[in-house]
Amino acid sequence: AYWYYKLHATKPIFSTTQPNKLSKYKHLGKAGSPAHIDAVLSVARRTQIDHLTSCIDSLRQNWVDLYDSLKEKK
């Protein structure tokens, strides 16, 4: 059996061989191929970015809450 991997998007975002046409799928080939490794690393980076963004948003909200609390005490 031959296993291959692909990325799947909800809307067409991947470039194709045809000009001005996008695809919802990007074929990566088999596990360990350069395209597959790059995709795995990209997904890992995206996960880290999403987590950091969530942390930043939480810190900002906590700062706003703290600022408002200090403002009310004055």
PDB file of N, CA and C in Angstrom:
ATOM      1  N   ALA A   1       0.844  -1.181   0.000  1.00  0.00           N
ATOM      2  CA  ALA A   1       0.000   0.000   0.000  1.00  0.00           C
ATOM      3  C   ALA A   1       0.887   1.241   0.000  1.00  0.00           C
ATOM      4  N   TYR A   2       0.422   2.260  -0.658  1.00  0.00           N
ATOM      5  CA  TYR A   2       1.161   3.515  -0.739  1.00  0.00           C
ATOM      6  C   TYR A   2       0.391   4.580   0.023  1.00  0.00           C
ATOM      7  N   TRP A   3       1.019   5.169   1.007  1.00  0.00           N
ATOM      8  CA  TRP A   3       0.395   6.235   1.783  1.00  0.00           C
ATOM      9  C   TRP A   3       0.994   7.569   1.354  1.00  0.00           C
ATOM     10  N   TYR A   4       0.143   8.539   1.168  1.00  0.00           N
ATOM     11  CA  TYR A   4       0.638   9.874   0.867  1.00  0.00           C
ATOM     12  C   TYR A   4      -0.167  10.878   1.684  1.00  0.00           C
ATOM     13  N   TYR A   5       0.375  12.047   1.818  1.00  0.00           N
ATOM     14  CA  TYR A   5      -0.237  13.076   2.640  1.00  0.00           C
ATOM     15  C   TYR A   5      -0.618  14.274   1.783  1.00  0.00           C
ATOM     16  N   LYS A   6      -1.610  14.997   2.270  1.00  0.00           N
ATOM     17  CA  LYS A   6      -2.007  16.231   1.603  1.00  0.00           C
ATOM     18  C   LYS A   6      -2.549  17.196   2.646  1.00  0.00           C
ATOM     19  N   LEU A   7      -2.419  18.472   2.352  1.00  0.00           N
ATOM     20  CA  LEU A   7      -3.042  19.510   3.167  1.00  0.00           C
ATOM     21  C   LEU A   7      -4.397  19.808   2.560  1.00  0.00           C
ATOM     22  N   HIS A   8      -5.367  20.101   3.411  1.00  0.00           N
ATOM     23  CA  HIS A   8      -6.724  20.390   2.947  1.00  0.00           C
ATOM     24  C   HIS A   8      -7.170  21.694   3.603  1.00  0.00           C
ATOM     25  N   ALA A   9      -7.557  22.651   2.795  1.00  0.00           N
ATOM     26  CA  ALA A   9      -8.058  23.936   3.287  1.00  0.00           C
ATOM     27  C   ALA A   9      -9.569  24.008   3.057  1.00  0.00           C
ATOM     28  N   THR A  10     -10.236  24.862   3.794  1.00  0.00           N
ATOM     29  CA  THR A  10     -11.685  25.010   3.631  1.00  0.00           C
ATOM     30  C   THR A  10     -12.045  25.796   2.381  1.00  0.00           C
ATOM     31  N   LYS A  11     -11.083  26.595   1.900  1.00  0.00           N
ATOM     32  CA  LYS A  11     -11.309  27.326   0.650  1.00  0.00           C
ATOM     33  C   LYS A  11     -10.035  27.228  -0.186  1.00  0.00           C
ATOM     34  N   PRO A  12     -10.111  27.436  -1.473  1.00  0.00           N
ATOM     35  CA  PRO A  12      -8.920  27.325  -2.327  1.00  0.00           C
ATOM     36  C   PRO A  12      -7.865  28.379  -1.981  1.00  0.00           C
ATOM     37  N   ILE A  13      -6.706  27.935  -1.513  1.00  0.00           N
ATOM     38  CA  ILE A  13      -5.621  28.856  -1.159  1.00  0.00           C
ATOM     39  C   ILE A  13      -4.274  28.428  -1.735  1.00  0.00           C
ATOM     40  N   PHE A  14      -4.167  27.191  -2.198  1.00  0.00           N
ATOM     41  CA  PHE A  14      -2.892  26.670  -2.681  1.00  0.00           C
ATOM     42  C   PHE A  14      -2.740  26.923  -4.178  1.00  0.00           C
ATOM     43  N   SER A  15      -1.535  27.321  -4.580  1.00  0.00           N
ATOM     44  CA  SER A  15      -1.289  27.578  -6.000  1.00  0.00           C
ATOM     45  C   SER A  15      -1.295  26.265  -6.783  1.00  0.00           C
ATOM     46  N   THR A  16      -1.607  26.381  -8.057  1.00  0.00           N
ATOM     47  CA  THR A  16      -1.634  25.223  -8.952  1.00  0.00           C
ATOM     48  C   THR A  16      -0.731  25.505 -10.147  1.00  0.00           C
ATOM     49  N   THR A  17      -0.627  24.536 -11.034  1.00  0.00           N
ATOM     50  CA  THR A  17       0.178  24.736 -12.242  1.00  0.00           C
ATOM     51  C   THR A  17      -0.524  25.645 -13.239  1.00  0.00           C
ATOM     52  N   GLN A  18      -1.828  25.831 -13.052  1.00  0.00           N
ATOM     53  CA  GLN A  18      -2.591  26.709 -13.940  1.00  0.00           C
ATOM     54  C   GLN A  18      -2.590  28.126 -13.373  1.00  0.00           C
ATOM     55  N   PRO A  19      -2.249  29.105 -14.202  1.00  0.00           N
ATOM     56  CA  PRO A  19      -2.231  30.489 -13.719  1.00  0.00           C
ATOM     57  C   PRO A  19      -3.620  30.938 -13.250  1.00  0.00           C
ATOM     58  N   ASN A  20      -3.635  31.745 -12.217  1.00  0.00           N
ATOM     59  CA  ASN A  20      -4.871  32.326 -11.676  1.00  0.00           C
ATOM     60  C   ASN A  20      -5.867  31.288 -11.174  1.00  0.00           C
ATOM     61  N   LYS A  21      -5.399  30.102 -10.837  1.00  0.00           N
ATOM     62  CA  LYS A  21      -6.290  29.083 -10.284  1.00  0.00           C
ATOM     63  C   LYS A  21      -5.699  28.575  -8.978  1.00  0.00           C
ATOM     64  N   LEU A  22      -6.558  28.461  -7.964  1.00  0.00           N
ATOM     65  CA  LEU A  22      -6.139  27.956  -6.663  1.00  0.00           C
ATOM     66  C   LEU A  22      -6.845  26.641  -6.369  1.00  0.00           C
ATOM     67  N   SER A  23      -6.280  25.891  -5.440  1.00  0.00           N
ATOM     68  CA  SER A  23      -6.838  24.593  -5.068  1.00  0.00           C
ATOM     69  C   SER A  23      -7.040  24.524  -3.558  1.00  0.00           C
ATOM     70  N   LYS A  24      -7.970  23.672  -3.118  1.00  0.00           N
ATOM     71  CA  LYS A  24      -8.169  23.431  -1.690  1.00  0.00           C
ATOM     72  C   LYS A  24      -7.186  22.386  -1.169  1.00  0.00           C
ATOM     73  N   TYR A  25      -6.453  21.734  -2.062  1.00  0.00           N
ATOM     74  CA  TYR A  25      -5.564  20.644  -1.668  1.00  0.00           C
ATOM     75  C   TYR A  25      -4.128  20.912  -2.098  1.00  0.00           C
ATOM     76  N   LYS A  26      -3.200  20.492  -1.258  1.00  0.00           N
ATOM     77  CA  LYS A  26      -1.785  20.525  -1.623  1.00  0.00           C
ATOM     78  C   LYS A  26      -1.230  19.132  -1.337  1.00  0.00           C
ATOM     79  N   HIS A  27      -0.824  18.440  -2.363  1.00  0.00           N
ATOM     80  CA  HIS A  27      -0.298  17.087  -2.211  1.00  0.00           C
ATOM     81  C   HIS A  27       1.148  17.154  -1.730  1.00  0.00           C
ATOM     82  N   LEU A  28       1.444  16.363  -0.705  1.00  0.00           N
ATOM     83  CA  LEU A  28       2.751  16.414  -0.065  1.00  0.00           C
ATOM     84  C   LEU A  28       3.612  15.188  -0.332  1.00  0.00           C
ATOM     85  N   GLY A  29       3.027  14.147  -0.874  1.00  0.00           N
ATOM     86  CA  GLY A  29       3.787  12.925  -1.115  1.00  0.00           C
ATOM     87  C   GLY A  29       3.827  12.042   0.117  1.00  0.00           C
ATOM     88  N   LYS A  30       4.808  11.167   0.158  1.00  0.00           N
ATOM     89  CA  LYS A  30       4.884  10.204   1.258  1.00  0.00           C
ATOM     90  C   LYS A  30       5.544  10.821   2.487  1.00  0.00           C
ATOM     91  N   ALA A  31       5.387  10.140   3.611  1.00  0.00           N
ATOM     92  CA  ALA A  31       5.981  10.598   4.869  1.00  0.00           C
ATOM     93  C   ALA A  31       7.489  10.707   4.709  1.00  0.00           C
ATOM     94  N   GLY A  32       8.036  11.798   5.201  1.00  0.00           N
ATOM     95  CA  GLY A  32       9.475  12.004   5.125  1.00  0.00           C
ATOM     96  C   GLY A  32       9.946  12.752   3.899  1.00  0.00           C
ATOM     97  N   SER A  33       9.044  12.978   2.952  1.00  0.00           N
ATOM     98  CA  SER A  33       9.436  13.744   1.767  1.00  0.00           C
ATOM     99  C   SER A  33       9.668  15.200   2.178  1.00  0.00           C
ATOM    100  N   PRO A  34      10.464  15.941   1.432  1.00  0.00           N
ATOM    101  CA  PRO A  34      10.701  17.349   1.785  1.00  0.00           C
ATOM    102  C   PRO A  34       9.405  18.153   1.935  1.00  0.00           C
ATOM    103  N   ALA A  35       8.446  17.943   1.047  1.00  0.00           N
ATOM    104  CA  ALA A  35       7.177  18.682   1.134  1.00  0.00           C
ATOM    105  C   ALA A  35       6.415  18.296   2.400  1.00  0.00           C
ATOM    106  N   HIS A  36       6.438  17.026   2.772  1.00  0.00           N
ATOM    107  CA  HIS A  36       5.740  16.560   3.972  1.00  0.00           C
ATOM    108  C   HIS A  36       6.394  17.134   5.227  1.00  0.00           C
ATOM    109  N   ILE A  37       7.714  17.080   5.291  1.00  0.00           N
ATOM    110  CA  ILE A  37       8.425  17.620   6.455  1.00  0.00           C
ATOM    111  C   ILE A  37       8.164  19.112   6.589  1.00  0.00           C
ATOM    112  N   ASP A  38       8.214  19.844   5.484  1.00  0.00           N
ATOM    113  CA  ASP A  38       7.941  21.282   5.512  1.00  0.00           C
ATOM    114  C   ASP A  38       6.527  21.562   6.009  1.00  0.00           C
ATOM    115  N   ALA A  39       5.562  20.765   5.571  1.00  0.00           N
ATOM    116  CA  ALA A  39       4.176  20.956   6.001  1.00  0.00           C
ATOM    117  C   ALA A  39       4.017  20.674   7.489  1.00  0.00           C
ATOM    118  N   VAL A  40       4.649  19.618   7.981  1.00  0.00           N
ATOM    119  CA  VAL A  40       4.569  19.290   9.409  1.00  0.00           C
ATOM    120  C   VAL A  40       5.156  20.430  10.237  1.00  0.00           C
ATOM    121  N   LEU A  41       6.296  20.946   9.820  1.00  0.00           N
ATOM    122  CA  LEU A  41       6.911  22.063  10.535  1.00  0.00           C
ATOM    123  C   LEU A  41       6.044  23.318  10.456  1.00  0.00           C
ATOM    124  N   SER A  42       5.414  23.545   9.318  1.00  0.00           N
ATOM    125  CA  SER A  42       4.526  24.705   9.164  1.00  0.00           C
ATOM    126  C   SER A  42       3.328  24.612  10.097  1.00  0.00           C
ATOM    127  N   VAL A  43       2.753  23.426  10.197  1.00  0.00           N
ATOM    128  CA  VAL A  43       1.610  23.236  11.099  1.00  0.00           C
ATOM    129  C   VAL A  43       2.057  23.437  12.549  1.00  0.00           C
ATOM    130  N   ALA A  44       3.233  22.939  12.902  1.00  0.00           N
ATOM    131  CA  ALA A  44       3.750  23.129  14.261  1.00  0.00           C
ATOM    132  C   ALA A  44       3.963  24.612  14.555  1.00  0.00           C
ATOM    133  N   ARG A  45       4.524  25.349  13.584  1.00  0.00           N
ATOM    134  CA  ARG A  45       4.711  26.798  13.772  1.00  0.00           C
ATOM    135  C   ARG A  45       3.374  27.500  13.931  1.00  0.00           C
ATOM    136  N   ARG A  46       2.383  27.120  13.129  1.00  0.00           N
ATOM    137  CA  ARG A  46       1.063  27.737  13.206  1.00  0.00           C
ATOM    138  C   ARG A  46       0.451  27.492  14.583  1.00  0.00           C
ATOM    139  N   THR A  47       0.618  26.282  15.114  1.00  0.00           N
ATOM    140  CA  THR A  47       0.098  25.951  16.440  1.00  0.00           C
ATOM    141  C   THR A  47       0.768  26.825  17.500  1.00  0.00           C
ATOM    142  N   GLN A  48       2.080  27.005  17.397  1.00  0.00           N
ATOM    143  CA  GLN A  48       2.797  27.856  18.342  1.00  0.00           C
ATOM    144  C   GLN A  48       2.335  29.306  18.236  1.00  0.00           C
ATOM    145  N   ILE A  49       2.176  29.795  17.025  1.00  0.00           N
ATOM    146  CA  ILE A  49       1.715  31.175  16.821  1.00  0.00           C
ATOM    147  C   ILE A  49       0.322  31.360  17.404  1.00  0.00           C
ATOM    148  N   ASP A  50      -0.571  30.407  17.165  1.00  0.00           N
ATOM    149  CA  ASP A  50      -1.928  30.500  17.716  1.00  0.00           C
ATOM    150  C   ASP A  50      -1.897  30.531  19.240  1.00  0.00           C
ATOM    151  N   HIS A  51      -1.051  29.698  19.848  1.00  0.00           N
ATOM    152  CA  HIS A  51      -0.955  29.667  21.310  1.00  0.00           C
ATOM    153  C   HIS A  51      -0.397  30.988  21.843  1.00  0.00           C
ATOM    154  N   LEU A  52       0.662  31.496  21.219  1.00  0.00           N
ATOM    155  CA  LEU A  52       1.233  32.770  21.653  1.00  0.00           C
ATOM    156  C   LEU A  52       0.241  33.917  21.484  1.00  0.00           C
ATOM    157  N   THR A  53      -0.499  33.922  20.392  1.00  0.00           N
ATOM    158  CA  THR A  53      -1.520  34.950  20.172  1.00  0.00           C
ATOM    159  C   THR A  53      -2.573  34.900  21.266  1.00  0.00           C
ATOM    160  N   SER A  54      -2.982  33.703  21.636  1.00  0.00           N
ATOM    161  CA  SER A  54      -3.960  33.535  22.709  1.00  0.00           C
ATOM    162  C   SER A  54      -3.401  34.057  24.037  1.00  0.00           C
ATOM    163  N   CYS A  55      -2.134  33.772  24.316  1.00  0.00           N
ATOM    164  CA  CYS A  55      -1.502  34.263  25.547  1.00  0.00           C
ATOM    165  C   CYS A  55      -1.433  35.786  25.559  1.00  0.00           C
ATOM    166  N   ILE A  56      -1.063  36.373  24.435  1.00  0.00           N
ATOM    167  CA  ILE A  56      -0.988  37.835  24.337  1.00  0.00           C
ATOM    168  C   ILE A  56      -2.362  38.454  24.552  1.00  0.00           C
ATOM    169  N   ASP A  57      -3.387  37.890  23.930  1.00  0.00           N
ATOM    170  CA  ASP A  57      -4.747  38.399  24.112  1.00  0.00           C
ATOM    171  C   ASP A  57      -5.169  38.319  25.571  1.00  0.00           C
ATOM    172  N   SER A  58      -4.837  37.218  26.224  1.00  0.00           N
ATOM    173  CA  SER A  58      -5.178  37.043  27.634  1.00  0.00           C
ATOM    174  C   SER A  58      -4.444  38.067  28.499  1.00  0.00           C
ATOM    175  N   LEU A  59      -3.164  38.273  28.235  1.00  0.00           N
ATOM    176  CA  LEU A  59      -2.398  39.268  28.990  1.00  0.00           C
ATOM    177  C   LEU A  59      -2.965  40.673  28.789  1.00  0.00           C
ATOM    178  N   ARG A  60      -3.335  40.993  27.562  1.00  0.00           N
ATOM    179  CA  ARG A  60      -3.924  42.316  27.301  1.00  0.00           C
ATOM    180  C   ARG A  60      -5.223  42.497  28.072  1.00  0.00           C
ATOM    181  N   GLN A  61      -6.063  41.479  28.064  1.00  0.00           N
ATOM    182  CA  GLN A  61      -7.332  41.579  28.774  1.00  0.00           C
ATOM    183  C   GLN A  61      -7.099  41.704  30.279  1.00  0.00           C
ATOM    184  N   ASN A  62      -6.137  40.953  30.804  1.00  0.00           N
ATOM    185  CA  ASN A  62      -5.823  41.059  32.233  1.00  0.00           C
ATOM    186  C   ASN A  62      -5.307  42.446  32.575  1.00  0.00           C
ATOM    187  N   TRP A  63      -4.490  43.024  31.687  1.00  0.00           N
ATOM    188  CA  TRP A  63      -3.987  44.366  31.922  1.00  0.00           C
ATOM    189  C   TRP A  63      -5.138  45.373  31.938  1.00  0.00           C
ATOM    190  N   VAL A  64      -6.066  45.247  31.001  1.00  0.00           N
ATOM    191  CA  VAL A  64      -7.229  46.141  30.955  1.00  0.00           C
ATOM    192  C   VAL A  64      -8.044  46.001  32.236  1.00  0.00           C
ATOM    193  N   ASP A  65      -8.278  44.766  32.666  1.00  0.00           N
ATOM    194  CA  ASP A  65      -9.033  44.543  33.900  1.00  0.00           C
ATOM    195  C   ASP A  65      -8.321  45.153  35.102  1.00  0.00           C
ATOM    196  N   LEU A  66      -7.005  44.975  35.180  1.00  0.00           N
ATOM    197  CA  LEU A  66      -6.231  45.532  36.284  1.00  0.00           C
ATOM    198  C   LEU A  66      -6.261  47.054  36.239  1.00  0.00           C
ATOM    199  N   TYR A  67      -6.089  47.624  35.063  1.00  0.00           N
ATOM    200  CA  TYR A  67      -6.115  49.078  34.907  1.00  0.00           C
ATOM    201  C   TYR A  67      -7.472  49.635  35.330  1.00  0.00           C
ATOM    202  N   ASP A  68      -8.543  48.992  34.876  1.00  0.00           N
ATOM    203  CA  ASP A  68      -9.884  49.443  35.252  1.00  0.00           C
ATOM    204  C   ASP A  68     -10.104  49.330  36.753  1.00  0.00           C
ATOM    205  N   SER A  69      -9.594  48.269  37.355  1.00  0.00           N
ATOM    206  CA  SER A  69      -9.735  48.071  38.795  1.00  0.00           C
ATOM    207  C   SER A  69      -8.993  49.157  39.564  1.00  0.00           C
ATOM    208  N   LEU A  70      -7.785  49.483  39.129  1.00  0.00           N
ATOM    209  CA  LEU A  70      -7.017  50.536  39.791  1.00  0.00           C
ATOM    210  C   LEU A  70      -7.663  51.898  39.579  1.00  0.00           C
ATOM    211  N   LYS A  71      -8.229  52.114  38.426  1.00  0.00           N
ATOM    212  CA  LYS A  71      -8.884  53.379  38.102  1.00  0.00           C
ATOM    213  C   LYS A  71     -10.115  53.588  38.990  1.00  0.00           C
ATOM    214  N   GLU A  72     -10.855  52.512  39.261  1.00  0.00           N
ATOM    215  CA  GLU A  72     -12.055  52.603  40.094  1.00  0.00           C
ATOM    216  C   GLU A  72     -11.709  52.898  41.548  1.00  0.00           C
ATOM    217  N   LYS A  73     -10.533  52.472  42.008  1.00  0.00           N
ATOM    218  CA  LYS A  73     -10.127  52.678  43.398  1.00  0.00           C
ATOM    219  C   LYS A  73      -9.746  54.126  43.671  1.00  0.00           C
ATOM    220  N   LYS A  74      -9.379  54.869  42.638  1.00  0.00           N
ATOM    221  CA  LYS A  74      -8.953  56.267  42.830  1.00  0.00           C
ATOM    222  C   LYS A  74     -10.107  57.193  43.019  1.00  0.00           C
TER     223      LYS A  74
END
